[in-house]
Amino acid sequence: MSIDPADLIYLDHNASTFLDPLVVEAMQPFLDGNHGNPSSGHLLGRQSRHAIEHARGQAAALLDVDPAEVIFTSGGTESNNHALIGTAWALRERGDHIVTSAVEHPAILEVCRFLARRGFSFTAVPVDALGRVDPADVAGACNDRTILVSVMLANNETGTIQPIAAIADVARSRGIWCHTDAAQAVGKIPVRAPQLGVHMLSLAGHKVYGPKGVGLLVI
């Protein structure tokens, strides 16, 4: 059955947003005409490369980071996978324990379970009646084998905003890397990665009026 979108009242923007007309306008030249490979040295390739780097600069400005710290991915899930699995492999000689929260998106918890089947362990700290993680609980869950703390910035079900800056302080004071899934926060509240103090931050394009299949990871 086909439904005219004009007949709907859409109340699911936390799951996925529509494409903003300004986004469509920015993408249109690369859908209609310029198909140059951004790695090619010819004119169309250089134009594509310029567009990608321009977008990288816009994303970096939004999050107050250096453009070189922005890596484009196929979405928030891939960004989370790279953050957790990449850290686990890179720091395996140092430790094998991850701390997260009990209310994380499956894109975090399923990756933790994947790693647990490969010799790692993880602790999912509880939340209070408002769905909030206590930084003291994060501190209590960390041990000398902990290599990563990953707690979402805003919860996709409840909207609870987590005290990420305080959690990042806990992690940094112990030499532990810190990641936040900010997919539900960017565009709703100001998100500045340096103020949060995290080492890594994930974002999904289709949560902020961009296309599906686009995301980024700040490292």
N, C-alpha and C. Protein backbone atom coordinates (compact mmCIF):
# COMPACT_ATOMS: atom_id res chain seq x y z
N MET A 1 0.85 -1.19 0.00
CA MET A 1 0.00 0.00 0.00
C MET A 1 0.88 1.24 0.00
N SER A 2 0.60 2.15 -0.89
CA SER A 2 1.36 3.39 -1.00
C SER A 2 0.66 4.50 -0.20
N ILE A 3 1.45 5.20 0.61
CA ILE A 3 0.90 6.29 1.42
C ILE A 3 1.59 7.59 1.02
N ASP A 4 0.81 8.60 0.77
CA ASP A 4 1.35 9.91 0.45
C ASP A 4 1.94 10.53 1.72
N PRO A 5 3.25 10.85 1.74
CA PRO A 5 3.85 11.46 2.93
C PRO A 5 3.13 12.71 3.40
N ALA A 6 2.48 13.39 2.47
CA ALA A 6 1.76 14.61 2.84
C ALA A 6 0.57 14.30 3.75
N ASP A 7 0.11 13.04 3.76
CA ASP A 7 -1.03 12.66 4.60
C ASP A 7 -0.60 12.22 5.99
N LEU A 8 0.71 12.18 6.25
CA LEU A 8 1.21 11.67 7.52
C LEU A 8 1.66 12.80 8.44
N ILE A 9 1.52 12.56 9.73
CA ILE A 9 2.20 13.37 10.75
C ILE A 9 3.32 12.51 11.29
N TYR A 10 4.55 12.87 10.96
CA TYR A 10 5.70 12.03 11.27
C TYR A 10 6.23 12.35 12.66
N LEU A 11 6.28 11.35 13.54
CA LEU A 11 6.69 11.55 14.93
C LEU A 11 7.87 10.65 15.30
N ASP A 12 8.70 10.31 14.32
CA ASP A 12 9.78 9.35 14.57
C ASP A 12 11.15 9.91 14.18
N HIS A 13 11.34 11.21 14.41
CA HIS A 13 12.60 11.83 13.99
C HIS A 13 13.81 11.35 14.79
N ASN A 14 13.59 10.82 15.99
CA ASN A 14 14.73 10.24 16.71
C ASN A 14 15.28 9.03 15.98
N ALA A 15 14.40 8.31 15.27
CA ALA A 15 14.85 7.14 14.51
C ALA A 15 15.50 7.56 13.20
N SER A 16 14.85 8.45 12.47
CA SER A 16 15.40 8.91 11.19
C SER A 16 14.67 10.17 10.74
N THR A 17 15.43 11.13 10.25
CA THR A 17 14.85 12.38 9.77
C THR A 17 14.68 12.36 8.26
N PHE A 18 13.86 13.26 7.78
CA PHE A 18 13.76 13.47 6.34
C PHE A 18 15.00 14.23 5.86
N LEU A 19 15.26 14.17 4.56
CA LEU A 19 16.33 14.98 3.99
C LEU A 19 15.91 16.44 3.98
N ASP A 20 16.73 17.28 4.53
CA ASP A 20 16.46 18.72 4.47
C ASP A 20 16.65 19.20 3.03
N PRO A 21 15.80 20.11 2.55
CA PRO A 21 15.96 20.62 1.18
C PRO A 21 17.35 21.20 0.91
N LEU A 22 17.97 21.81 1.90
CA LEU A 22 19.32 22.35 1.70
C LEU A 22 20.34 21.24 1.49
N VAL A 23 20.11 20.08 2.14
CA VAL A 23 20.99 18.93 1.94
C VAL A 23 20.81 18.40 0.52
N VAL A 24 19.57 18.28 0.08
CA VAL A 24 19.29 17.82 -1.28
C VAL A 24 19.95 18.75 -2.29
N GLU A 25 19.84 20.04 -2.06
CA GLU A 25 20.44 21.02 -2.97
C GLU A 25 21.96 20.86 -3.04
N ALA A 26 22.59 20.62 -1.90
CA ALA A 26 24.04 20.45 -1.87
C ALA A 26 24.47 19.16 -2.56
N MET A 27 23.65 18.10 -2.44
CA MET A 27 24.00 16.81 -3.02
C MET A 27 23.69 16.72 -4.52
N GLN A 28 22.73 17.51 -4.99
CA GLN A 28 22.19 17.34 -6.34
C GLN A 28 23.24 17.34 -7.45
N PRO A 29 24.22 18.25 -7.43
CA PRO A 29 25.21 18.24 -8.53
C PRO A 29 25.97 16.92 -8.63
N PHE A 30 26.08 16.19 -7.53
CA PHE A 30 26.85 14.95 -7.53
C PHE A 30 25.96 13.75 -7.79
N LEU A 31 24.64 13.97 -7.81
CA LEU A 31 23.71 12.94 -8.21
C LEU A 31 23.38 13.03 -9.70
N ASP A 32 23.39 14.25 -10.24
CA ASP A 32 22.98 14.48 -11.62
C ASP A 32 24.14 14.49 -12.61
N GLY A 33 25.31 15.02 -12.17
CA GLY A 33 26.32 15.24 -13.19
C GLY A 33 27.72 14.80 -12.83
N ASN A 34 28.23 15.21 -11.69
CA ASN A 34 29.63 14.97 -11.38
C ASN A 34 29.79 13.62 -10.68
N HIS A 35 30.30 12.65 -11.42
CA HIS A 35 30.50 11.31 -10.86
C HIS A 35 31.99 11.01 -10.72
N GLY A 36 32.81 12.04 -10.67
CA GLY A 36 34.25 11.84 -10.61
C GLY A 36 34.70 11.16 -9.34
N ASN A 37 35.64 10.25 -9.46
CA ASN A 37 36.23 9.59 -8.30
C ASN A 37 37.11 10.59 -7.56
N PRO A 38 36.85 10.84 -6.27
CA PRO A 38 37.62 11.86 -5.55
C PRO A 38 39.11 11.53 -5.41
N SER A 39 39.49 10.30 -5.73
CA SER A 39 40.90 9.93 -5.70
C SER A 39 41.58 10.14 -7.05
N SER A 40 40.80 10.51 -8.08
CA SER A 40 41.36 10.74 -9.41
C SER A 40 41.91 12.15 -9.53
N GLY A 41 42.93 12.31 -10.36
CA GLY A 41 43.58 13.61 -10.50
C GLY A 41 42.95 14.52 -11.54
N HIS A 42 41.98 14.02 -12.31
CA HIS A 42 41.38 14.86 -13.34
C HIS A 42 40.37 15.84 -12.72
N LEU A 43 39.81 16.71 -13.56
CA LEU A 43 38.98 17.81 -13.06
C LEU A 43 37.79 17.32 -12.24
N LEU A 44 37.04 16.34 -12.77
CA LEU A 44 35.86 15.88 -12.04
C LEU A 44 36.26 15.23 -10.72
N GLY A 45 37.38 14.53 -10.71
CA GLY A 45 37.85 13.93 -9.46
C GLY A 45 38.23 14.99 -8.45
N ARG A 46 38.89 16.03 -8.91
CA ARG A 46 39.29 17.11 -8.00
C ARG A 46 38.08 17.84 -7.45
N GLN A 47 37.04 18.00 -8.29
CA GLN A 47 35.82 18.64 -7.81
C GLN A 47 35.15 17.80 -6.72
N SER A 48 35.13 16.48 -6.91
CA SER A 48 34.55 15.61 -5.90
C SER A 48 35.37 15.67 -4.61
N ARG A 49 36.69 15.65 -4.75
CA ARG A 49 37.55 15.73 -3.57
C ARG A 49 37.33 17.04 -2.83
N HIS A 50 37.20 18.13 -3.57
CA HIS A 50 36.96 19.43 -2.94
C HIS A 50 35.65 19.41 -2.16
N ALA A 51 34.61 18.78 -2.74
CA ALA A 51 33.30 18.73 -2.07
C ALA A 51 33.40 17.93 -0.78
N ILE A 52 34.12 16.82 -0.81
CA ILE A 52 34.27 15.99 0.39
C ILE A 52 35.01 16.75 1.48
N GLU A 53 36.08 17.43 1.09
CA GLU A 53 36.86 18.16 2.10
C GLU A 53 36.10 19.36 2.64
N HIS A 54 35.26 19.96 1.78
CA HIS A 54 34.40 21.05 2.25
C HIS A 54 33.42 20.53 3.29
N ALA A 55 32.82 19.37 3.01
CA ALA A 55 31.90 18.76 3.97
C ALA A 55 32.62 18.38 5.25
N ARG A 56 33.85 17.88 5.12
CA ARG A 56 34.63 17.53 6.31
C ARG A 56 34.88 18.76 7.17
N GLY A 57 35.17 19.87 6.52
CA GLY A 57 35.39 21.12 7.25
C GLY A 57 34.13 21.60 7.95
N GLN A 58 32.97 21.44 7.29
CA GLN A 58 31.71 21.83 7.92
C GLN A 58 31.42 20.97 9.15
N ALA A 59 31.64 19.65 9.03
CA ALA A 59 31.42 18.76 10.16
C ALA A 59 32.37 19.09 11.31
N ALA A 60 33.61 19.38 10.96
CA ALA A 60 34.61 19.72 11.99
C ALA A 60 34.22 21.00 12.71
N ALA A 61 33.75 22.00 11.96
CA ALA A 61 33.33 23.26 12.58
C ALA A 61 32.14 23.05 13.50
N LEU A 62 31.21 22.17 13.11
CA LEU A 62 30.04 21.88 13.94
C LEU A 62 30.44 21.31 15.29
N LEU A 63 31.46 20.44 15.27
CA LEU A 63 31.87 19.72 16.48
C LEU A 63 33.09 20.33 17.14
N ASP A 64 33.62 21.42 16.58
CA ASP A 64 34.78 22.14 17.13
C ASP A 64 36.01 21.24 17.20
N VAL A 65 36.29 20.55 16.08
CA VAL A 65 37.47 19.72 15.99
C VAL A 65 38.24 20.08 14.72
N ASP A 66 39.43 19.53 14.58
CA ASP A 66 40.23 19.73 13.38
C ASP A 66 39.69 18.84 12.27
N PRO A 67 39.62 19.33 11.01
CA PRO A 67 39.11 18.48 9.93
C PRO A 67 39.86 17.16 9.80
N ALA A 68 41.15 17.15 10.13
CA ALA A 68 41.92 15.91 10.03
C ALA A 68 41.45 14.86 11.02
N GLU A 69 40.66 15.26 12.03
CA GLU A 69 40.16 14.32 13.04
C GLU A 69 38.82 13.69 12.64
N VAL A 70 38.26 14.10 11.49
CA VAL A 70 36.95 13.64 11.04
C VAL A 70 37.13 12.54 10.00
N ILE A 71 36.59 11.36 10.30
CA ILE A 71 36.63 10.23 9.36
C ILE A 71 35.19 9.92 8.96
N PHE A 72 34.91 9.95 7.65
CA PHE A 72 33.56 9.62 7.18
C PHE A 72 33.37 8.11 7.14
N THR A 73 32.17 7.67 7.51
CA THR A 73 31.82 6.25 7.53
C THR A 73 30.46 6.07 6.86
N SER A 74 29.97 4.83 6.88
CA SER A 74 28.66 4.56 6.28
C SER A 74 27.52 4.79 7.26
N GLY A 75 27.83 5.26 8.47
CA GLY A 75 26.77 5.55 9.43
C GLY A 75 27.24 5.44 10.86
N GLY A 76 26.33 5.72 11.79
CA GLY A 76 26.69 5.69 13.20
C GLY A 76 27.12 4.31 13.67
N THR A 77 26.49 3.26 13.13
CA THR A 77 26.85 1.90 13.55
C THR A 77 28.28 1.57 13.17
N GLU A 78 28.67 1.90 11.94
CA GLU A 78 30.06 1.64 11.54
C GLU A 78 31.03 2.48 12.38
N SER A 79 30.66 3.71 12.66
CA SER A 79 31.52 4.56 13.50
C SER A 79 31.73 3.93 14.87
N ASN A 80 30.65 3.42 15.47
CA ASN A 80 30.76 2.77 16.78
C ASN A 80 31.61 1.51 16.70
N ASN A 81 31.43 0.74 15.63
CA ASN A 81 32.24 -0.46 15.45
C ASN A 81 33.72 -0.13 15.37
N HIS A 82 34.06 0.87 14.58
CA HIS A 82 35.46 1.26 14.46
C HIS A 82 36.01 1.74 15.80
N ALA A 83 35.22 2.53 16.52
CA ALA A 83 35.69 3.08 17.79
C ALA A 83 35.98 1.96 18.79
N LEU A 84 35.04 1.03 18.96
CA LEU A 84 35.20 -0.01 19.98
C LEU A 84 36.17 -1.10 19.54
N ILE A 85 35.95 -1.66 18.35
CA ILE A 85 36.82 -2.75 17.91
C ILE A 85 38.22 -2.24 17.63
N GLY A 86 38.31 -1.05 17.01
CA GLY A 86 39.63 -0.49 16.74
C GLY A 86 40.43 -0.26 18.01
N THR A 87 39.77 0.29 19.02
CA THR A 87 40.45 0.51 20.31
C THR A 87 40.85 -0.82 20.94
N ALA A 88 39.94 -1.79 20.90
CA ALA A 88 40.23 -3.09 21.50
C ALA A 88 41.46 -3.73 20.86
N TRP A 89 41.52 -3.73 19.54
CA TRP A 89 42.67 -4.34 18.87
C TRP A 89 43.95 -3.54 19.13
N ALA A 90 43.81 -2.20 19.10
CA ALA A 90 45.01 -1.35 19.24
C ALA A 90 45.61 -1.44 20.63
N LEU A 91 44.76 -1.62 21.66
CA LEU A 91 45.24 -1.57 23.04
C LEU A 91 45.21 -2.93 23.73
N ARG A 92 45.12 -4.00 22.97
CA ARG A 92 44.97 -5.32 23.57
C ARG A 92 46.15 -5.69 24.47
N GLU A 93 47.33 -5.20 24.15
CA GLU A 93 48.48 -5.51 25.00
C GLU A 93 48.37 -4.82 26.35
N ARG A 94 47.60 -3.72 26.40
CA ARG A 94 47.46 -2.97 27.64
C ARG A 94 46.34 -3.50 28.52
N GLY A 95 45.26 -3.96 27.89
CA GLY A 95 44.12 -4.44 28.67
C GLY A 95 43.05 -5.05 27.79
N ASP A 96 41.98 -5.52 28.43
CA ASP A 96 40.94 -6.23 27.70
C ASP A 96 39.54 -5.98 28.26
N HIS A 97 39.37 -4.84 28.95
CA HIS A 97 38.10 -4.56 29.62
C HIS A 97 37.51 -3.25 29.13
N ILE A 98 36.20 -3.24 28.90
CA ILE A 98 35.48 -2.06 28.42
C ILE A 98 34.36 -1.74 29.41
N VAL A 99 34.15 -0.47 29.65
CA VAL A 99 33.03 -0.03 30.50
C VAL A 99 32.04 0.73 29.63
N THR A 100 30.77 0.37 29.74
CA THR A 100 29.71 1.06 29.02
C THR A 100 28.51 1.19 29.96
N SER A 101 27.35 1.55 29.42
CA SER A 101 26.17 1.66 30.28
C SER A 101 25.13 0.62 29.88
N ALA A 102 24.21 0.37 30.78
CA ALA A 102 23.16 -0.62 30.53
C ALA A 102 22.12 -0.14 29.53
N VAL A 103 22.14 1.15 29.18
CA VAL A 103 21.10 1.69 28.30
C VAL A 103 21.66 2.12 26.95
N GLU A 104 22.81 1.58 26.58
CA GLU A 104 23.39 1.94 25.28
C GLU A 104 22.56 1.37 24.13
N HIS A 105 22.73 1.99 22.97
CA HIS A 105 22.12 1.50 21.74
C HIS A 105 22.75 0.14 21.40
N PRO A 106 22.00 -0.75 20.73
CA PRO A 106 22.59 -2.04 20.32
C PRO A 106 23.87 -1.89 19.50
N ALA A 107 24.04 -0.75 18.83
CA ALA A 107 25.26 -0.52 18.06
C ALA A 107 26.49 -0.46 18.95
N ILE A 108 26.30 -0.29 20.25
CA ILE A 108 27.39 -0.37 21.23
C ILE A 108 27.37 -1.71 21.95
N LEU A 109 26.22 -2.09 22.49
CA LEU A 109 26.15 -3.30 23.31
C LEU A 109 26.44 -4.56 22.49
N GLU A 110 25.98 -4.61 21.25
CA GLU A 110 26.26 -5.79 20.43
C GLU A 110 27.75 -5.88 20.09
N VAL A 111 28.40 -4.74 19.92
CA VAL A 111 29.84 -4.77 19.66
C VAL A 111 30.58 -5.25 20.90
N CYS A 112 30.13 -4.83 22.08
CA CYS A 112 30.74 -5.32 23.32
C CYS A 112 30.58 -6.83 23.43
N ARG A 113 29.42 -7.35 23.06
CA ARG A 113 29.21 -8.79 23.12
C ARG A 113 30.09 -9.51 22.09
N PHE A 114 30.25 -8.90 20.92
CA PHE A 114 31.15 -9.45 19.90
C PHE A 114 32.57 -9.56 20.45
N LEU A 115 33.03 -8.52 21.11
CA LEU A 115 34.37 -8.53 21.67
C LEU A 115 34.49 -9.51 22.83
N ALA A 116 33.40 -9.66 23.60
CA ALA A 116 33.41 -10.60 24.72
C ALA A 116 33.61 -12.04 24.24
N ARG A 117 33.15 -12.33 23.02
CA ARG A 117 33.34 -13.67 22.47
C ARG A 117 34.76 -13.86 21.95
N ARG A 118 35.54 -12.79 21.99
CA ARG A 118 36.90 -12.85 21.48
C ARG A 118 37.93 -12.51 22.56
N GLY A 119 37.57 -12.77 23.78
CA GLY A 119 38.52 -12.68 24.87
C GLY A 119 38.48 -11.41 25.67
N PHE A 120 37.63 -10.46 25.30
CA PHE A 120 37.50 -9.23 26.06
C PHE A 120 36.35 -9.38 27.07
N SER A 121 36.23 -8.42 27.96
CA SER A 121 35.11 -8.39 28.89
C SER A 121 34.57 -6.97 28.95
N PHE A 122 33.32 -6.84 29.38
CA PHE A 122 32.77 -5.49 29.52
C PHE A 122 31.85 -5.43 30.73
N THR A 123 31.75 -4.24 31.29
CA THR A 123 30.84 -3.97 32.40
C THR A 123 29.84 -2.91 31.95
N ALA A 124 28.55 -3.22 32.07
CA ALA A 124 27.49 -2.26 31.74
C ALA A 124 26.96 -1.68 33.05
N VAL A 125 27.36 -0.45 33.35
CA VAL A 125 26.95 0.15 34.62
C VAL A 125 25.47 0.51 34.57
N PRO A 126 24.78 0.47 35.71
CA PRO A 126 23.35 0.77 35.74
C PRO A 126 23.09 2.27 35.65
N VAL A 127 21.81 2.62 35.56
CA VAL A 127 21.39 4.02 35.54
C VAL A 127 20.40 4.25 36.66
N ASP A 128 20.17 5.53 37.00
CA ASP A 128 19.21 5.84 38.05
C ASP A 128 17.79 5.91 37.49
N ALA A 129 16.86 6.39 38.28
CA ALA A 129 15.45 6.43 37.87
C ALA A 129 15.20 7.34 36.68
N LEU A 130 16.12 8.25 36.42
CA LEU A 130 16.00 9.15 35.27
C LEU A 130 16.80 8.66 34.08
N GLY A 131 17.37 7.47 34.20
CA GLY A 131 18.16 6.92 33.10
C GLY A 131 19.56 7.50 33.01
N ARG A 132 20.04 8.06 34.11
CA ARG A 132 21.32 8.77 34.09
C ARG A 132 22.43 7.90 34.68
N VAL A 133 23.59 7.93 34.02
CA VAL A 133 24.77 7.21 34.49
C VAL A 133 25.49 8.07 35.52
N ASP A 134 25.86 7.47 36.63
CA ASP A 134 26.63 8.16 37.66
C ASP A 134 28.12 7.98 37.36
N PRO A 135 28.86 9.09 37.17
CA PRO A 135 30.30 8.95 36.91
C PRO A 135 31.03 8.14 37.97
N ALA A 136 30.52 8.17 39.23
CA ALA A 136 31.14 7.38 40.29
C ALA A 136 31.01 5.89 40.01
N ASP A 137 29.90 5.48 39.38
CA ASP A 137 29.73 4.08 39.02
C ASP A 137 30.71 3.69 37.92
N VAL A 138 30.95 4.62 37.00
CA VAL A 138 31.95 4.37 35.95
C VAL A 138 33.32 4.18 36.57
N ALA A 139 33.65 5.07 37.51
CA ALA A 139 34.94 4.96 38.20
C ALA A 139 35.06 3.63 38.92
N GLY A 140 33.98 3.20 39.57
CA GLY A 140 34.01 1.94 40.30
C GLY A 140 34.12 0.72 39.41
N ALA A 141 33.65 0.87 38.16
CA ALA A 141 33.70 -0.26 37.23
C ALA A 141 35.05 -0.41 36.55
N CYS A 142 35.85 0.66 36.54
CA CYS A 142 37.15 0.62 35.88
C CYS A 142 38.15 -0.16 36.72
N ASN A 143 39.04 -0.86 36.06
CA ASN A 143 40.13 -1.55 36.74
C ASN A 143 41.41 -1.40 35.95
N ASP A 144 42.47 -2.07 36.36
CA ASP A 144 43.75 -1.87 35.71
C ASP A 144 43.82 -2.52 34.33
N ARG A 145 42.75 -3.21 33.91
CA ARG A 145 42.69 -3.80 32.57
C ARG A 145 41.73 -3.04 31.65
N THR A 146 41.13 -1.96 32.17
CA THR A 146 40.17 -1.19 31.37
C THR A 146 40.88 -0.33 30.34
N ILE A 147 40.45 -0.44 29.09
CA ILE A 147 41.07 0.32 28.00
C ILE A 147 40.13 1.33 27.37
N LEU A 148 38.82 1.20 27.61
CA LEU A 148 37.86 2.08 26.95
C LEU A 148 36.61 2.24 27.80
N VAL A 149 36.11 3.48 27.84
CA VAL A 149 34.79 3.78 28.39
C VAL A 149 33.95 4.35 27.25
N SER A 150 32.75 3.79 27.03
CA SER A 150 31.86 4.27 25.97
C SER A 150 30.46 4.46 26.54
N VAL A 151 30.02 5.72 26.60
CA VAL A 151 28.68 6.05 27.09
C VAL A 151 28.06 7.05 26.13
N MET A 152 26.82 6.80 25.73
CA MET A 152 26.15 7.70 24.78
C MET A 152 25.91 9.07 25.39
N LEU A 153 25.87 10.09 24.55
CA LEU A 153 25.63 11.45 25.03
C LEU A 153 24.16 11.68 25.35
N ALA A 154 23.27 11.25 24.45
CA ALA A 154 21.82 11.38 24.68
C ALA A 154 21.16 10.06 24.32
N ASN A 155 20.26 9.61 25.17
CA ASN A 155 19.64 8.31 24.97
C ASN A 155 18.56 8.38 23.90
N ASN A 156 18.52 7.38 23.03
CA ASN A 156 17.57 7.37 21.91
C ASN A 156 16.14 7.05 22.34
N GLU A 157 15.95 6.47 23.54
CA GLU A 157 14.60 6.12 24.00
C GLU A 157 14.04 7.16 24.97
N THR A 158 14.86 7.61 25.89
CA THR A 158 14.37 8.50 26.96
C THR A 158 14.76 9.95 26.77
N GLY A 159 15.77 10.21 25.96
CA GLY A 159 16.26 11.58 25.80
C GLY A 159 17.19 12.04 26.90
N THR A 160 17.47 11.18 27.87
CA THR A 160 18.36 11.57 28.97
C THR A 160 19.74 11.94 28.44
N ILE A 161 20.24 13.09 28.89
CA ILE A 161 21.58 13.55 28.51
C ILE A 161 22.55 13.11 29.60
N GLN A 162 23.56 12.38 29.20
CA GLN A 162 24.50 11.83 30.16
C GLN A 162 25.62 12.83 30.47
N PRO A 163 26.20 12.76 31.68
CA PRO A 163 27.28 13.68 32.09
C PRO A 163 28.62 13.25 31.49
N ILE A 164 28.72 13.38 30.18
CA ILE A 164 29.87 12.82 29.47
C ILE A 164 31.18 13.50 29.88
N ALA A 165 31.16 14.80 30.10
CA ALA A 165 32.39 15.48 30.49
C ALA A 165 32.94 14.91 31.79
N ALA A 166 32.07 14.66 32.75
CA ALA A 166 32.50 14.08 34.03
C ALA A 166 32.97 12.65 33.84
N ILE A 167 32.29 11.89 32.98
CA ILE A 167 32.70 10.51 32.71
C ILE A 167 34.04 10.49 31.99
N ALA A 168 34.23 11.43 31.06
CA ALA A 168 35.52 11.50 30.36
C ALA A 168 36.64 11.86 31.32
N ASP A 169 36.35 12.71 32.30
CA ASP A 169 37.37 13.05 33.32
C ASP A 169 37.80 11.79 34.08
N VAL A 170 36.83 10.96 34.42
CA VAL A 170 37.13 9.70 35.12
C VAL A 170 38.06 8.85 34.27
N ALA A 171 37.72 8.72 32.99
CA ALA A 171 38.52 7.88 32.10
C ALA A 171 39.93 8.45 31.91
N ARG A 172 40.01 9.73 31.61
CA ARG A 172 41.31 10.35 31.35
C ARG A 172 42.22 10.30 32.58
N SER A 173 41.66 10.42 33.75
CA SER A 173 42.47 10.40 34.97
C SER A 173 43.14 9.05 35.17
N ARG A 174 42.60 8.03 34.50
CA ARG A 174 43.16 6.69 34.60
C ARG A 174 43.89 6.27 33.34
N GLY A 175 44.04 7.19 32.38
CA GLY A 175 44.69 6.85 31.13
C GLY A 175 43.85 5.95 30.23
N ILE A 176 42.53 6.03 30.38
CA ILE A 176 41.61 5.19 29.62
C ILE A 176 40.98 6.02 28.50
N TRP A 177 40.88 5.45 27.31
CA TRP A 177 40.24 6.14 26.21
C TRP A 177 38.73 6.26 26.47
N CYS A 178 38.12 7.33 25.94
CA CYS A 178 36.70 7.57 26.15
C CYS A 178 36.01 7.86 24.82
N HIS A 179 34.88 7.21 24.60
CA HIS A 179 34.08 7.37 23.38
C HIS A 179 32.65 7.70 23.75
N THR A 180 32.01 8.53 22.92
CA THR A 180 30.58 8.75 23.10
C THR A 180 29.86 8.65 21.77
N ASP A 181 28.72 7.99 21.80
CA ASP A 181 27.82 7.94 20.65
C ASP A 181 26.92 9.17 20.77
N ALA A 182 27.16 10.15 19.91
CA ALA A 182 26.44 11.42 19.98
C ALA A 182 25.35 11.54 18.92
N ALA A 183 24.95 10.40 18.34
CA ALA A 183 24.00 10.44 17.23
C ALA A 183 22.69 11.12 17.60
N GLN A 184 22.22 10.95 18.85
CA GLN A 184 20.94 11.53 19.24
C GLN A 184 21.08 12.92 19.84
N ALA A 185 22.30 13.42 19.94
CA ALA A 185 22.50 14.72 20.57
C ALA A 185 22.78 15.84 19.57
N VAL A 186 23.59 15.54 18.58
CA VAL A 186 23.97 16.58 17.61
C VAL A 186 22.72 17.09 16.88
N GLY A 187 22.60 18.39 16.81
CA GLY A 187 21.42 18.99 16.18
C GLY A 187 20.32 19.30 17.16
N LYS A 188 20.39 18.73 18.35
CA LYS A 188 19.39 19.01 19.38
C LYS A 188 19.97 19.85 20.52
N ILE A 189 21.21 19.59 20.86
CA ILE A 189 21.93 20.38 21.86
C ILE A 189 23.30 20.72 21.29
N PRO A 190 23.95 21.77 21.76
CA PRO A 190 25.31 22.05 21.29
C PRO A 190 26.24 20.90 21.67
N VAL A 191 27.03 20.44 20.71
CA VAL A 191 27.98 19.35 20.96
C VAL A 191 29.35 19.80 20.50
N ARG A 192 30.24 20.01 21.44
CA ARG A 192 31.61 20.41 21.15
C ARG A 192 32.53 19.35 21.74
N ALA A 193 33.19 18.59 20.90
CA ALA A 193 33.99 17.46 21.37
C ALA A 193 35.05 17.86 22.40
N PRO A 194 35.77 18.98 22.21
CA PRO A 194 36.78 19.34 23.22
C PRO A 194 36.17 19.61 24.59
N GLN A 195 34.98 20.19 24.63
CA GLN A 195 34.33 20.45 25.92
C GLN A 195 33.89 19.16 26.59
N LEU A 196 33.55 18.15 25.81
CA LEU A 196 33.17 16.87 26.37
C LEU A 196 34.38 16.11 26.90
N GLY A 197 35.54 16.34 26.30
CA GLY A 197 36.76 15.69 26.76
C GLY A 197 36.94 14.27 26.27
N VAL A 198 36.14 13.86 25.28
CA VAL A 198 36.24 12.48 24.79
C VAL A 198 37.36 12.35 23.76
N HIS A 199 37.84 11.13 23.59
CA HIS A 199 38.83 10.84 22.56
C HIS A 199 38.16 10.58 21.21
N MET A 200 36.93 10.03 21.26
CA MET A 200 36.23 9.64 20.04
C MET A 200 34.74 9.98 20.17
N LEU A 201 34.14 10.33 19.03
CA LEU A 201 32.72 10.71 19.00
C LEU A 201 32.11 10.22 17.70
N SER A 202 30.94 9.57 17.79
CA SER A 202 30.24 9.05 16.62
C SER A 202 29.02 9.89 16.29
N LEU A 203 28.71 9.94 14.99
CA LEU A 203 27.56 10.71 14.50
C LEU A 203 26.96 10.01 13.29
N ALA A 204 25.63 10.04 13.18
CA ALA A 204 24.91 9.45 12.04
C ALA A 204 24.22 10.55 11.25
N GLY A 205 24.42 10.58 9.95
CA GLY A 205 23.87 11.64 9.11
C GLY A 205 22.36 11.67 9.09
N HIS A 206 21.71 10.51 9.08
CA HIS A 206 20.25 10.50 8.92
C HIS A 206 19.51 10.89 10.19
N LYS A 207 20.24 11.17 11.27
CA LYS A 207 19.61 11.72 12.48
C LYS A 207 19.56 13.25 12.44
N VAL A 208 20.27 13.85 11.49
CA VAL A 208 20.37 15.32 11.43
C VAL A 208 20.05 15.82 10.03
N TYR A 209 19.01 15.22 9.41
CA TYR A 209 18.48 15.68 8.12
C TYR A 209 19.42 15.45 6.96
N GLY A 210 20.38 14.52 7.15
CA GLY A 210 21.25 14.11 6.06
C GLY A 210 20.79 12.78 5.49
N PRO A 211 21.52 12.25 4.50
CA PRO A 211 21.12 10.98 3.88
C PRO A 211 21.47 9.77 4.75
N LYS A 212 20.74 8.70 4.56
CA LYS A 212 21.12 7.43 5.17
C LYS A 212 22.41 6.94 4.50
N GLY A 213 23.18 6.16 5.25
CA GLY A 213 24.43 5.65 4.69
C GLY A 213 25.60 6.58 4.81
N VAL A 214 25.48 7.61 5.68
CA VAL A 214 26.57 8.55 5.91
C VAL A 214 26.71 8.77 7.40
N GLY A 215 27.92 8.70 7.90
CA GLY A 215 28.18 8.99 9.30
C GLY A 215 29.60 9.47 9.44
N LEU A 216 30.01 9.70 10.67
CA LEU A 216 31.40 10.08 10.87
C LEU A 216 31.86 9.65 12.26
N LEU A 217 33.16 9.52 12.36
CA LEU A 217 33.82 9.24 13.63
C LEU A 217 34.90 10.29 13.83
N VAL A 218 34.82 11.00 14.93
CA VAL A 218 35.88 11.93 15.30
C VAL A 218 36.88 11.19 16.18
N ILE A 219 38.13 11.25 15.82
CA ILE A 219 39.21 10.68 16.64
C ILE A 219 40.18 11.80 16.96
